[in-house]
Each structure stands twice: as structure tokens, then as C-alpha cells.
Protein backbone atom coordinates (compact mmCIF):
# COMPACT_ATOMS: atom_id res chain seq x y z
CA MET A 1 1.80 167.47 5.66
CA HIS A 2 -1.89 166.71 6.27
CA THR A 3 -3.98 169.72 7.32
CA LEU A 4 -6.68 168.87 9.87
CA ASP A 5 -10.21 170.06 9.20
CA ASP A 6 -12.63 171.15 11.96
CA SER A 7 -14.18 167.68 12.20
CA GLU A 8 -10.82 166.01 12.79
CA ILE A 9 -9.85 168.64 15.34
CA HIS A 10 -13.07 168.11 17.27
CA GLN A 11 -12.47 164.34 17.18
CA ILE A 12 -8.99 164.83 18.60
CA VAL A 13 -10.32 167.11 21.32
CA GLN A 14 -13.03 164.58 22.22
CA GLN A 15 -10.45 161.80 22.53
CA THR A 16 -8.34 163.99 24.77
CA VAL A 17 -11.34 164.65 27.00
CA ASN A 18 -11.96 160.92 27.25
CA GLN A 19 -8.32 160.35 28.17
CA ALA A 20 -8.50 163.13 30.75
CA LEU A 21 -11.44 161.48 32.48
CA GLY A 22 -9.27 158.45 33.13
CA LEU A 23 -6.38 160.51 34.53
CA SER A 24 -5.80 161.65 38.09
CA GLN A 25 -7.04 165.07 39.18
CA ASP A 26 -3.45 166.38 39.22
CA SER A 27 -3.81 169.46 37.06
CA SER A 28 -0.05 169.55 36.48
CA ALA A 29 -0.14 166.24 34.62
CA PRO A 30 0.69 166.80 30.94
CA VAL A 31 -1.96 166.08 28.36
CA THR A 32 -0.79 163.35 25.98
CA PRO A 33 -1.22 164.36 22.34
CA PRO A 34 -4.22 162.38 21.09
CA ILE A 35 -4.47 160.15 18.06
CA PRO A 36 -7.32 161.01 15.64
CA ILE A 37 -10.36 158.76 16.00
CA LYS A 38 -13.13 157.92 13.56
CA GLU A 39 -16.23 158.40 15.70
CA THR A 40 -18.24 161.59 15.36
CA THR A 41 -18.50 163.74 18.46
CA LYS A 42 -21.46 165.43 20.07
CA LEU A 43 -20.36 168.78 18.65
CA GLU A 44 -19.94 167.32 15.14
CA SER A 45 -22.84 164.90 15.07
CA SER A 46 -23.53 165.15 11.34
CA THR A 47 -22.15 166.59 8.14
CA GLU A 48 -25.27 168.75 7.92
CA ALA A 49 -24.42 170.39 11.27
CA ARG A 50 -21.21 171.73 9.73
CA LYS A 51 -23.29 173.92 7.43
CA ILE A 52 -25.62 175.35 10.09
CA VAL A 53 -24.97 178.57 11.98
CA VAL A 54 -27.37 179.46 14.78
CA ILE A 55 -27.88 183.15 15.48
CA GLY A 56 -29.65 184.91 18.32
CA ALA A 57 -30.00 188.37 19.79
CA ASP A 58 -31.70 190.37 22.46
CA HIS A 59 -33.58 193.60 21.76
CA GLY A 60 -30.28 195.51 21.59
CA GLY A 61 -28.89 193.23 18.88
CA VAL A 62 -31.97 192.33 16.85
CA ASP A 63 -31.36 194.88 14.07
CA LEU A 64 -27.76 193.76 13.59
CA LYS A 65 -28.86 190.11 13.67
CA GLU A 66 -31.24 190.70 10.78
CA LEU A 67 -28.53 192.45 8.75
CA LEU A 68 -25.98 189.68 9.36
CA LYS A 69 -28.21 186.73 8.41
CA PRO A 70 -27.85 187.31 4.63
CA VAL A 71 -24.08 187.70 5.05
CA ILE A 72 -23.89 184.26 6.68
CA GLU A 73 -26.12 182.73 4.00
CA GLU A 74 -23.93 184.22 1.25
CA LEU A 75 -21.02 182.27 2.72
CA GLY A 76 -22.98 179.06 2.10
CA PHE A 77 -24.37 178.39 5.56
CA GLU A 78 -27.91 177.63 6.61
CA VAL A 79 -29.07 179.96 9.39
CA ILE A 80 -31.22 179.00 12.38
CA ASP A 81 -32.63 182.12 14.05
CA VAL A 82 -33.56 181.61 17.72
CA GLY A 83 -34.82 185.19 18.16
CA THR A 84 -35.63 187.68 19.43
CA ASN A 85 -37.44 189.16 16.47
CA ASN A 86 -38.51 192.60 17.69
CA LYS A 87 -37.33 195.51 19.87
CA GLU A 88 -39.43 194.59 22.90
CA SER A 89 -37.18 194.26 25.94
CA VAL A 90 -36.04 190.69 26.61
CA ASP A 91 -33.33 188.99 28.68
CA TYR A 92 -30.17 188.08 26.76
CA PRO A 93 -29.47 184.90 28.82
CA ASP A 94 -32.54 183.21 27.31
CA PHE A 95 -31.34 183.67 23.74
CA ALA A 96 -27.63 183.15 24.41
CA HIS A 97 -28.45 179.87 26.13
CA GLU A 98 -30.62 178.67 23.26
CA ALA A 99 -27.96 179.45 20.65
CA ALA A 100 -25.17 177.85 22.70
CA LYS A 101 -27.30 174.78 23.41
CA LEU A 102 -27.76 174.08 19.69
CA VAL A 103 -23.99 174.16 19.22
CA SER A 104 -23.43 171.96 22.28
CA ILE A 105 -25.84 169.24 21.13
CA GLY A 106 -24.55 169.27 17.55
CA LYS A 107 -27.56 170.83 15.82
CA ALA A 108 -25.42 173.76 14.72
CA TRP A 109 -21.77 173.92 13.68
CA ARG A 110 -21.24 177.39 15.10
CA GLY A 111 -23.29 180.03 16.91
CA ILE A 112 -23.47 183.82 16.94
CA MET A 113 -25.15 185.85 19.67
CA ILE A 114 -25.61 189.62 19.67
CA ASP A 115 -26.53 191.85 22.59
CA GLY A 116 -25.65 195.42 23.51
CA ALA A 117 -22.06 194.81 24.63
CA GLY A 118 -21.48 191.10 23.84
CA ILE A 119 -20.11 190.42 27.32
CA GLY A 120 -23.17 189.01 29.09
CA SER A 121 -24.02 186.64 26.25
CA CYS A 122 -20.43 185.41 26.22
CA ILE A 123 -20.65 184.59 29.93
CA VAL A 124 -23.93 182.72 29.43
CA ALA A 125 -22.71 180.72 26.43
CA ASN A 126 -19.59 179.63 28.29
CA LYS A 127 -21.77 177.99 30.96
CA VAL A 128 -23.01 175.46 28.37
CA PRO A 129 -20.87 172.28 28.24
CA GLY A 130 -18.76 171.99 25.11
CA VAL A 131 -19.10 175.65 24.19
CA ARG A 132 -16.11 177.94 23.84
CA ALA A 133 -17.54 181.42 23.33
CA GLY A 134 -15.49 184.48 22.60
CA MET A 135 -16.42 188.10 22.11
CA ALA A 136 -14.84 189.78 19.08
CA TYR A 137 -14.65 193.53 18.53
CA ASP A 138 -12.25 193.73 15.57
CA TYR A 139 -10.54 191.64 12.90
CA SER A 140 -7.68 190.54 15.16
CA SER A 141 -9.90 189.32 17.99
CA ALA A 142 -12.01 187.36 15.48
CA VAL A 143 -8.92 185.64 14.05
CA ASN A 144 -7.38 185.01 17.47
CA SER A 145 -10.55 183.48 18.91
CA ARG A 146 -10.61 180.92 16.10
CA GLU A 147 -6.90 180.25 15.55
CA HIS A 148 -5.90 180.12 19.20
CA ASN A 149 -9.07 179.19 21.10
CA ASP A 150 -11.16 177.20 18.58
CA THR A 151 -14.26 179.14 19.60
CA ASN A 152 -17.56 177.74 18.41
CA VAL A 153 -19.74 180.63 19.58
CA LEU A 154 -19.11 184.28 18.70
CA THR A 155 -20.65 187.13 20.67
CA LEU A 156 -20.95 190.68 19.39
CA GLY A 157 -21.85 193.98 21.02
CA ALA A 158 -24.23 195.83 18.73
CA GLY A 159 -23.74 199.00 20.75
CA LEU A 160 -19.97 198.87 20.26
CA ILE A 161 -19.44 198.03 16.57
CA GLY A 162 -20.99 199.17 13.31
CA LEU A 163 -22.43 197.05 10.51
CA ASN A 164 -19.33 196.99 8.30
CA LEU A 165 -17.08 195.90 11.14
CA ALA A 166 -19.64 193.31 12.25
CA LYS A 167 -19.71 191.87 8.73
CA GLN A 168 -15.91 191.67 8.65
CA ILE A 169 -15.81 189.97 12.05
CA VAL A 170 -18.45 187.39 11.13
CA LYS A 171 -16.88 186.54 7.76
CA THR A 172 -13.44 186.26 9.33
CA TRP A 173 -14.66 184.17 12.26
CA LEU A 174 -16.61 181.74 10.08
CA THR A 175 -13.72 181.19 7.66
CA THR A 176 -10.71 181.09 10.00
CA GLU A 177 -9.44 177.61 10.84
CA PHE A 178 -8.17 176.51 14.23
CA GLY A 179 -4.37 176.66 14.38
CA GLY A 180 -3.88 173.38 16.25
CA ASP A 181 -0.34 172.56 17.43
CA ARG A 182 0.44 174.36 20.71
CA HIS A 183 -3.04 175.88 20.69
CA ALA A 184 -4.60 172.39 20.65
CA ARG A 185 -2.73 171.55 23.83
CA ARG A 186 -4.15 174.64 25.51
CA VAL A 187 -7.69 174.07 24.28
CA ASN A 188 -7.44 170.47 25.53
CA LYS A 189 -6.61 171.85 28.97
CA ILE A 190 -9.67 174.14 28.84
CA ILE A 191 -11.82 171.11 28.02
CA ALA A 192 -10.25 169.05 30.80
CA ILE A 193 -10.93 171.81 33.34
CA GLU A 194 -14.56 172.00 32.20
CA LYS A 195 -14.91 168.24 32.66
CA GLN A 196 -13.68 168.44 36.26
CA TYR A 197 -16.76 170.49 37.16
CA MET A 198 -19.28 168.35 35.24
CA LYS A 199 -19.04 165.33 37.57
């Protein structure tokens, strides 16, 4: 049995979105399982993007951001740091938006944003089209957000987790594949709902 990689999954999701745009607005209508297509999508615009992880933080997450960057690089990813780079008070929406935007436009494969609790940045990132952000606080939530929800942005609360747990979450999140199957159907519905409000 052929195992789908992230690029193929994103292609399937994109095709489903295109199909959904041609359907009626009846939210009860079932989503037809898509057939893989060859075109690259906005979220997977190049093979180089698959190797790039964007990371950002506010003043509450800047120290953890700096400690996690080498961990990400050790896994073989290039890191784009969108700041902040000091402890001076800043507004997390600015940095969460910038990180999520790079994922949305295909300049980064995945994104990580760190603030004090991880909640606010998650809300911001989820306002950006094409982004599915999830906050993780332990191993299980990191696995679940990837396997079940195909998240492409991870948010962390620096005030809630320590360095060792943060490292475990990041490594797990970056290496866990999307489960597909029934989860793909549900993610397709999330994408279709998002598209309804982008008209």
C-alpha cells in the first residue's frame, strides 16, 4: 500500500477545496474523496519550502525560541526567525501573523510561534488562510495535532512548559506524519468551512 507524503496530502486537500468551491453551500453534503493531482499547491510551492521552518516569539517566548532553533536545525531544517529578538515588550499578534503568513504563502513548510501561554498566537495564526495552527503542551497533543489535524503551525506557551518538554514537542511535531484516512475527510471539511468565509 502506498504511503502518502506531506506533499501528496496537501495536493489532495487542495483538490478537495477546489471541488468544494463548485458544490452547493449545503454543509451536509458529503465531501467526495479526491484523486491525487500533480500540481503544486500554494502551501507546498517548492521542494525547498519543505525544509524551511519559520519560528517567531514575543518577549515571553524569545528565550525558548533561541533554545529551540538549534534543535530544529539538528533535524535538518533551515530556520527563518521572524523575531522578536529581545525581551522588550511586543505584541504577539505581529509575530504570529508573520510566521503564519510565511506558511500560508509557501515560503515555509511549517511554523512555530511561542508566547507566554500559546493561546493568543494560536488564535492569530488560525486567522491566516490555509493555516491550521494547534497549541501543544505535551507529547500526546503534539502527535494528535499532526496525525489528526494536519497542523502546519505549532504554538507553545513558554510560561507553561519547560525546555525539555518543549524540545520533545517540537521534535515530535516536526516528525509526525498526517494520518490521512478518516482524518483527511475531517480536515477537508475544515478547509471547506474556511473557504466559505473567504468569498
